Amino acid sequence: MAVQEILAGLPWWVKWIAIPALVLLVFGGFITSVLTFVIGLLFKVLLFVALVAGLIYAVRKFGTPSKSDRDW
């Protein structure tokens, strides 16, 4: 409740411009590194899924078993 009381007496530009600008200034590098890690990880996961799907497609398309393999 104390934070709300402190912020209640401040002008709107301090709440909506100055404080977020200070947060970006102080934590900007950390936020950027976390976003870079998350986006890189997401890209690697999507690449892995695409490669596995392509491998499964290629095996089903071109790896049809011969008649003797099916009997086994």
N, C-alpha and C. Protein backbone atom coordinates (compact mmCIF):
# COMPACT_ATOMS: atom_id res chain seq x y z
N MET A 1 0.81 -1.18 0.00
CA MET A 1 0.00 0.00 0.00
C MET A 1 0.86 1.26 0.00
N ALA A 2 2.07 1.19 0.53
CA ALA A 2 2.92 2.37 0.63
C ALA A 2 3.36 2.85 -0.74
N VAL A 3 3.60 1.94 -1.68
CA VAL A 3 4.02 2.34 -3.02
C VAL A 3 2.90 3.09 -3.73
N GLN A 4 1.68 2.62 -3.57
CA GLN A 4 0.54 3.32 -4.19
C GLN A 4 0.37 4.73 -3.62
N GLU A 5 0.61 4.88 -2.34
CA GLU A 5 0.50 6.20 -1.72
C GLU A 5 1.59 7.14 -2.23
N ILE A 6 2.79 6.61 -2.41
CA ILE A 6 3.89 7.43 -2.91
C ILE A 6 3.61 7.85 -4.36
N LEU A 7 3.16 6.91 -5.18
CA LEU A 7 2.91 7.21 -6.59
C LEU A 7 1.68 8.08 -6.79
N ALA A 8 0.77 8.09 -5.83
CA ALA A 8 -0.46 8.88 -5.98
C ALA A 8 -0.17 10.38 -6.02
N GLY A 9 0.87 10.84 -5.35
CA GLY A 9 1.17 12.25 -5.31
C GLY A 9 2.06 12.74 -6.44
N LEU A 10 2.49 11.84 -7.33
CA LEU A 10 3.40 12.23 -8.41
C LEU A 10 2.61 12.59 -9.67
N PRO A 11 3.19 13.45 -10.51
CA PRO A 11 2.54 13.76 -11.78
C PRO A 11 2.53 12.55 -12.71
N TRP A 12 1.65 12.57 -13.70
CA TRP A 12 1.49 11.43 -14.60
C TRP A 12 2.76 11.13 -15.38
N TRP A 13 3.50 12.16 -15.76
CA TRP A 13 4.68 11.93 -16.59
C TRP A 13 5.79 11.22 -15.82
N VAL A 14 5.80 11.35 -14.50
CA VAL A 14 6.79 10.63 -13.70
C VAL A 14 6.44 9.15 -13.67
N LYS A 15 5.14 8.85 -13.48
CA LYS A 15 4.70 7.45 -13.40
C LYS A 15 4.84 6.73 -14.74
N TRP A 16 4.51 7.41 -15.84
CA TRP A 16 4.41 6.74 -17.13
C TRP A 16 5.60 6.97 -18.05
N ILE A 17 6.49 7.90 -17.75
CA ILE A 17 7.65 8.17 -18.63
C ILE A 17 8.96 8.03 -17.86
N ALA A 18 9.10 8.74 -16.75
CA ALA A 18 10.38 8.79 -16.06
C ALA A 18 10.74 7.45 -15.41
N ILE A 19 9.81 6.83 -14.70
CA ILE A 19 10.11 5.57 -14.02
C ILE A 19 10.39 4.44 -15.01
N PRO A 20 9.56 4.24 -16.07
CA PRO A 20 9.93 3.21 -17.06
C PRO A 20 11.26 3.50 -17.77
N ALA A 21 11.58 4.78 -18.01
CA ALA A 21 12.86 5.11 -18.64
C ALA A 21 14.03 4.73 -17.72
N LEU A 22 13.87 4.97 -16.42
CA LEU A 22 14.91 4.58 -15.47
C LEU A 22 15.06 3.06 -15.39
N VAL A 23 13.95 2.35 -15.44
CA VAL A 23 14.00 0.88 -15.42
C VAL A 23 14.76 0.37 -16.64
N LEU A 24 14.45 0.94 -17.83
CA LEU A 24 15.16 0.52 -19.04
C LEU A 24 16.64 0.89 -18.97
N LEU A 25 16.96 2.03 -18.39
CA LEU A 25 18.34 2.45 -18.28
C LEU A 25 19.13 1.52 -17.36
N VAL A 26 18.53 1.16 -16.23
CA VAL A 26 19.23 0.33 -15.25
C VAL A 26 19.26 -1.14 -15.66
N PHE A 27 18.10 -1.67 -16.10
CA PHE A 27 17.99 -3.10 -16.39
C PHE A 27 17.97 -3.42 -17.88
N GLY A 28 18.27 -2.46 -18.73
CA GLY A 28 18.18 -2.66 -20.18
C GLY A 28 19.07 -3.78 -20.69
N GLY A 29 20.30 -3.84 -20.22
CA GLY A 29 21.20 -4.90 -20.65
C GLY A 29 20.73 -6.27 -20.24
N PHE A 30 20.22 -6.38 -19.03
CA PHE A 30 19.71 -7.65 -18.55
C PHE A 30 18.48 -8.09 -19.35
N ILE A 31 17.57 -7.15 -19.60
CA ILE A 31 16.37 -7.46 -20.37
C ILE A 31 16.74 -7.90 -21.77
N THR A 32 17.70 -7.21 -22.38
CA THR A 32 18.14 -7.57 -23.72
C THR A 32 18.77 -8.96 -23.76
N SER A 33 19.59 -9.27 -22.77
CA SER A 33 20.24 -10.59 -22.76
C SER A 33 19.22 -11.70 -22.54
N VAL A 34 18.23 -11.48 -21.70
CA VAL A 34 17.20 -12.50 -21.48
C VAL A 34 16.38 -12.70 -22.74
N LEU A 35 15.99 -11.60 -23.40
CA LEU A 35 15.22 -11.73 -24.64
C LEU A 35 16.03 -12.41 -25.73
N THR A 36 17.31 -12.10 -25.82
CA THR A 36 18.17 -12.75 -26.81
C THR A 36 18.26 -14.25 -26.54
N PHE A 37 18.41 -14.64 -25.29
CA PHE A 37 18.48 -16.05 -24.95
C PHE A 37 17.18 -16.76 -25.28
N VAL A 38 16.04 -16.16 -24.93
CA VAL A 38 14.74 -16.80 -25.16
C VAL A 38 14.46 -16.93 -26.66
N ILE A 39 14.74 -15.88 -27.43
CA ILE A 39 14.50 -15.94 -28.87
C ILE A 39 15.44 -16.94 -29.53
N GLY A 40 16.70 -16.99 -29.10
CA GLY A 40 17.63 -17.98 -29.63
C GLY A 40 17.21 -19.40 -29.31
N LEU A 41 16.75 -19.63 -28.10
CA LEU A 41 16.28 -20.95 -27.72
C LEU A 41 15.05 -21.35 -28.52
N LEU A 42 14.12 -20.41 -28.71
CA LEU A 42 12.93 -20.69 -29.50
C LEU A 42 13.30 -21.02 -30.94
N PHE A 43 14.25 -20.29 -31.52
CA PHE A 43 14.70 -20.59 -32.87
C PHE A 43 15.30 -21.98 -32.96
N LYS A 44 16.12 -22.36 -31.99
CA LYS A 44 16.74 -23.69 -32.02
C LYS A 44 15.70 -24.79 -31.87
N VAL A 45 14.69 -24.58 -31.03
CA VAL A 45 13.63 -25.58 -30.88
C VAL A 45 12.84 -25.72 -32.18
N LEU A 46 12.49 -24.60 -32.81
CA LEU A 46 11.76 -24.66 -34.07
C LEU A 46 12.59 -25.31 -35.17
N LEU A 47 13.88 -25.02 -35.21
CA LEU A 47 14.76 -25.66 -36.18
C LEU A 47 14.84 -27.16 -35.95
N PHE A 48 14.94 -27.57 -34.70
CA PHE A 48 14.97 -29.00 -34.37
C PHE A 48 13.68 -29.69 -34.81
N VAL A 49 12.54 -29.07 -34.53
CA VAL A 49 11.25 -29.65 -34.92
C VAL A 49 11.15 -29.77 -36.43
N ALA A 50 11.59 -28.75 -37.15
CA ALA A 50 11.54 -28.78 -38.61
C ALA A 50 12.46 -29.87 -39.17
N LEU A 51 13.64 -30.03 -38.60
CA LEU A 51 14.56 -31.07 -39.07
C LEU A 51 14.02 -32.48 -38.80
N VAL A 52 13.42 -32.68 -37.63
CA VAL A 52 12.85 -33.98 -37.31
C VAL A 52 11.67 -34.27 -38.23
N ALA A 53 10.83 -33.27 -38.48
CA ALA A 53 9.69 -33.47 -39.39
C ALA A 53 10.19 -33.78 -40.80
N GLY A 54 11.23 -33.10 -41.25
CA GLY A 54 11.78 -33.38 -42.57
C GLY A 54 12.38 -34.78 -42.65
N LEU A 55 13.03 -35.20 -41.59
CA LEU A 55 13.60 -36.54 -41.56
C LEU A 55 12.50 -37.60 -41.61
N ILE A 56 11.45 -37.42 -40.84
CA ILE A 56 10.33 -38.36 -40.84
C ILE A 56 9.67 -38.40 -42.22
N TYR A 57 9.50 -37.22 -42.84
CA TYR A 57 8.92 -37.16 -44.17
C TYR A 57 9.79 -37.90 -45.18
N ALA A 58 11.11 -37.67 -45.12
CA ALA A 58 12.02 -38.31 -46.08
C ALA A 58 12.04 -39.82 -45.90
N VAL A 59 12.01 -40.28 -44.66
CA VAL A 59 12.04 -41.73 -44.42
C VAL A 59 10.74 -42.37 -44.92
N ARG A 60 9.61 -41.72 -44.68
CA ARG A 60 8.34 -42.29 -45.15
C ARG A 60 8.21 -42.21 -46.67
N LYS A 61 8.74 -41.17 -47.28
CA LYS A 61 8.60 -40.96 -48.72
C LYS A 61 9.54 -41.87 -49.50
N PHE A 62 10.81 -41.91 -49.10
CA PHE A 62 11.82 -42.61 -49.89
C PHE A 62 12.28 -43.92 -49.26
N GLY A 63 11.89 -44.18 -48.06
CA GLY A 63 12.35 -45.39 -47.39
C GLY A 63 11.28 -46.45 -47.33
N THR A 64 10.51 -46.61 -48.40
CA THR A 64 9.47 -47.64 -48.39
C THR A 64 10.12 -49.00 -48.36
N PRO A 65 9.67 -49.84 -47.48
CA PRO A 65 10.30 -51.16 -47.35
C PRO A 65 9.96 -52.05 -48.55
N SER A 66 10.88 -52.92 -48.88
CA SER A 66 10.62 -53.87 -49.96
C SER A 66 9.68 -54.95 -49.45
N LYS A 67 9.23 -55.81 -50.37
CA LYS A 67 8.25 -56.83 -50.01
C LYS A 67 8.82 -57.80 -48.97
N SER A 68 10.09 -58.17 -49.09
CA SER A 68 10.68 -59.10 -48.12
C SER A 68 10.80 -58.48 -46.74
N ASP A 69 11.00 -57.16 -46.64
CA ASP A 69 11.09 -56.51 -45.34
C ASP A 69 9.72 -56.49 -44.65
N ARG A 70 8.66 -56.36 -45.42
CA ARG A 70 7.33 -56.31 -44.82
C ARG A 70 6.92 -57.67 -44.25
N ASP A 71 7.39 -58.73 -44.86
CA ASP A 71 7.03 -60.07 -44.38
C ASP A 71 7.71 -60.39 -43.05
N TRP A 72 8.83 -59.81 -42.79
CA TRP A 72 9.57 -60.08 -41.57
C TRP A 72 8.86 -59.46 -40.45
